[in-house]
Amino acid sequence: MTQAPIEAIYILRAAQPEDAEFQLRLFAERLAQQFAITGISRRQLQPLFNQQHYARTTSYAMQFPGLEDSIICNEAGEPIGELMVHHNGSSFLLVDITILAAFRSKGFGRAIIHGLQVRAAGHHSPIDLSVDLNSRARKLYESLGFVETSRNDLQAQMRWIMPRCTPTEQQ
């Protein structure tokens, strides 16, 4: 299978308190897409988005001690997304990756996931994640070698394991 080249240039930097407004905007953009069918205005939904973002932040802090929360920037240094990864010593968990809609389908997701795979390979660790069954991201993960390990009605759990090099026979 031919894969798209990994070309997008990105910068990862640790999220800082001053990124909170951007993180909320990113979170709200993703939720707004899910709530679009309701016909409720973004202004009306904003208090719900604020509450959900706070709940997620609090929950992740408890569930994933040492969570690496990074801001994804384009080559100009402009924030375009967020990456959350937890490494427990034996495996990596891709907790969340979100990229602003204007920057999707430009290779950033592929490049970032590939970078995580290189990092995990250096630790001889697998990468686990959950993805919505109907998400476009699922096809991206599959193209990068992730395989489904289980599923429920809404999500698939996927895992990437570093391919092993097999010795070639000497003649």
Protein backbone atom coordinates (compact mmCIF):
# COMPACT_ATOMS: atom_id res chain seq x y z
CA MET A 1 0.00 0.00 0.00
CA THR A 2 1.35 3.43 -0.92
CA GLN A 3 1.29 6.00 1.87
CA ALA A 4 1.22 9.76 1.57
CA PRO A 5 4.65 11.24 2.28
CA ILE A 6 5.29 12.65 5.72
CA GLU A 7 6.06 16.23 4.76
CA ALA A 8 4.26 18.60 7.11
CA ILE A 9 6.62 20.61 9.27
CA TYR A 10 5.43 21.08 12.81
CA ILE A 11 6.71 22.12 16.21
CA LEU A 12 5.61 20.56 19.49
CA ARG A 13 5.97 22.58 22.64
CA ALA A 14 4.72 21.98 26.15
CA ALA A 15 1.35 23.58 26.81
CA GLN A 16 1.57 26.60 29.10
CA PRO A 17 -1.09 28.36 31.20
CA GLU A 18 -1.29 31.10 28.56
CA ASP A 19 -2.46 28.45 26.05
CA ALA A 20 -5.71 27.88 27.96
CA GLU A 21 -7.76 30.14 25.68
CA PHE A 22 -6.47 28.40 22.55
CA GLN A 23 -7.09 24.96 24.08
CA LEU A 24 -10.67 25.91 24.93
CA ARG A 25 -11.22 27.29 21.40
CA LEU A 26 -9.85 24.06 19.90
CA PHE A 27 -12.01 21.92 22.18
CA ALA A 28 -15.10 24.03 21.41
CA GLU A 29 -14.47 23.77 17.65
CA ARG A 30 -14.50 19.98 17.88
CA LEU A 31 -17.63 19.91 20.05
CA ALA A 32 -19.41 22.46 17.86
CA GLN A 33 -19.14 20.02 14.95
CA GLN A 34 -20.85 17.34 17.05
CA PHE A 35 -23.60 19.73 18.18
CA ALA A 36 -24.21 21.30 14.75
CA ILE A 37 -27.20 19.02 14.14
CA THR A 38 -29.03 20.48 17.17
CA GLY A 39 -29.36 23.96 15.65
CA ILE A 40 -28.32 25.53 18.95
CA SER A 41 -26.06 28.54 18.46
CA ARG A 42 -22.39 28.46 19.39
CA ARG A 43 -23.03 31.31 21.84
CA GLN A 44 -25.67 29.25 23.62
CA LEU A 45 -23.43 26.19 23.69
CA GLN A 46 -20.30 27.98 24.94
CA PRO A 47 -21.12 27.51 28.68
CA LEU A 48 -21.50 23.77 28.05
CA PHE A 49 -18.20 23.71 26.14
CA ASN A 50 -16.49 25.53 29.02
CA GLN A 51 -17.86 23.03 31.53
CA GLN A 52 -16.92 20.02 29.39
CA HIS A 53 -13.40 21.34 28.85
CA TYR A 54 -12.92 21.84 32.59
CA ALA A 55 -14.25 18.32 33.30
CA ARG A 56 -11.94 16.80 30.69
CA THR A 57 -8.89 18.67 31.99
CA THR A 58 -9.63 17.61 35.56
CA SER A 59 -10.35 14.01 34.60
CA TYR A 60 -7.19 13.67 32.52
CA ALA A 61 -5.06 15.07 35.34
CA MET A 62 -6.40 12.34 37.66
CA GLN A 63 -6.36 9.48 35.11
CA PHE A 64 -2.98 10.18 33.55
CA PRO A 65 -0.37 11.45 36.02
CA GLY A 66 2.47 13.01 34.07
CA LEU A 67 0.32 13.55 30.97
CA GLU A 68 2.34 15.29 28.25
CA ASP A 69 0.13 18.09 26.97
CA SER A 70 1.70 19.69 23.90
CA ILE A 71 0.65 22.48 21.59
CA ILE A 72 1.14 21.69 17.90
CA CYS A 73 2.43 24.66 15.92
CA ASN A 74 2.98 25.06 12.20
CA GLU A 75 6.39 26.07 10.90
CA ALA A 76 5.51 29.74 11.45
CA GLY A 77 4.98 28.99 15.15
CA GLU A 78 1.21 29.46 14.97
CA PRO A 79 -0.76 27.12 17.29
CA ILE A 80 -2.83 24.72 15.19
CA GLY A 81 -3.59 21.84 17.54
CA GLU A 82 -2.98 19.88 20.71
CA LEU A 83 -1.40 16.49 21.40
CA MET A 84 -1.85 14.60 24.68
CA VAL A 85 0.30 11.54 25.30
CA HIS A 86 0.79 9.40 28.40
CA HIS A 87 3.78 7.08 28.77
CA ASN A 88 3.55 4.65 31.66
CA GLY A 89 6.99 3.13 31.14
CA SER A 90 5.84 0.15 29.09
CA SER A 91 3.49 1.73 26.54
CA PHE A 92 2.36 5.04 25.12
CA LEU A 93 -1.27 6.09 25.14
CA LEU A 94 -2.35 8.64 22.58
CA VAL A 95 -4.93 10.30 24.82
CA ASP A 96 -5.97 12.98 22.34
CA ILE A 97 -4.90 14.76 19.19
CA THR A 98 -6.89 17.66 17.76
CA ILE A 99 -5.99 19.93 14.88
CA LEU A 100 -7.91 23.06 13.89
CA ALA A 101 -10.24 22.37 10.96
CA ALA A 102 -8.38 24.82 8.72
CA PHE A 103 -5.19 22.74 9.08
CA ARG A 104 -6.65 19.23 8.68
CA SER A 105 -5.82 17.05 5.67
CA LYS A 106 -2.50 18.83 5.22
CA GLY A 107 -0.26 16.07 6.61
CA PHE A 108 0.13 17.36 10.18
CA GLY A 109 -1.68 14.43 11.80
CA ARG A 110 0.32 11.87 9.82
CA ALA A 111 3.62 13.61 10.63
CA ILE A 112 2.80 13.90 14.34
CA ILE A 113 1.70 10.28 14.69
CA HIS A 114 4.78 9.14 12.78
CA GLY A 115 6.94 11.18 15.17
CA LEU A 116 5.24 9.45 18.10
CA GLN A 117 5.92 6.08 16.46
CA VAL A 118 9.63 6.91 16.17
CA ARG A 119 9.67 7.92 19.83
CA ALA A 120 7.83 4.75 20.91
CA ALA A 121 10.16 2.58 18.82
CA GLY A 122 13.10 4.10 20.69
CA HIS A 123 11.51 2.86 23.92
CA HIS A 124 10.47 -0.50 22.38
CA SER A 125 6.93 0.44 23.43
CA PRO A 126 3.58 0.05 21.68
CA ILE A 127 1.13 2.92 21.19
CA ASP A 128 -2.51 2.51 22.19
CA LEU A 129 -5.44 4.77 21.30
CA SER A 130 -9.20 4.91 21.01
CA VAL A 131 -10.91 6.33 17.93
CA ASP A 132 -14.53 6.88 16.99
CA LEU A 133 -15.69 4.17 14.60
CA ASN A 134 -16.87 6.68 12.00
CA SER A 135 -13.85 8.98 12.28
CA ARG A 136 -11.63 9.83 9.31
CA ALA A 137 -8.71 9.52 11.72
CA ARG A 138 -9.26 5.78 11.87
CA LYS A 139 -8.14 5.38 8.26
CA LEU A 140 -5.04 7.45 9.05
CA TYR A 141 -4.17 5.20 12.00
CA GLU A 142 -4.68 2.07 9.91
CA SER A 143 -2.44 3.47 7.15
CA LEU A 144 0.27 3.99 9.80
CA GLY A 145 0.11 0.36 10.96
CA PHE A 146 -2.34 0.53 13.88
CA VAL A 147 -4.60 -2.50 14.24
CA GLU A 148 -7.92 -2.81 16.01
CA THR A 149 -7.67 -4.75 19.27
CA SER A 150 -11.27 -4.34 20.46
CA ARG A 151 -14.34 -2.18 19.98
CA ASN A 152 -17.62 -1.12 21.45
CA ASP A 153 -20.63 0.51 19.79
CA LEU A 154 -18.87 3.87 19.45
CA GLN A 155 -15.12 3.40 19.46
CA ALA A 156 -12.35 1.08 18.38
CA GLN A 157 -9.27 0.50 20.49
CA MET A 158 -6.17 0.32 18.33
CA ARG A 159 -2.53 -0.54 18.89
CA TRP A 160 0.70 0.01 17.02
CA ILE A 161 3.63 -2.30 17.68
CA MET A 162 7.04 -1.57 16.24
CA PRO A 163 7.71 -3.93 13.34
CA ARG A 164 10.55 -6.34 14.02
CA CYS A 165 13.51 -6.63 11.73
CA THR A 166 14.00 -10.18 10.59
CA PRO A 167 17.48 -11.38 9.76
CA THR A 168 18.12 -12.16 6.14
CA GLU A 169 19.59 -15.50 5.23
CA GLN A 170 23.24 -15.42 4.29
CA GLN A 171 24.13 -17.42 1.21
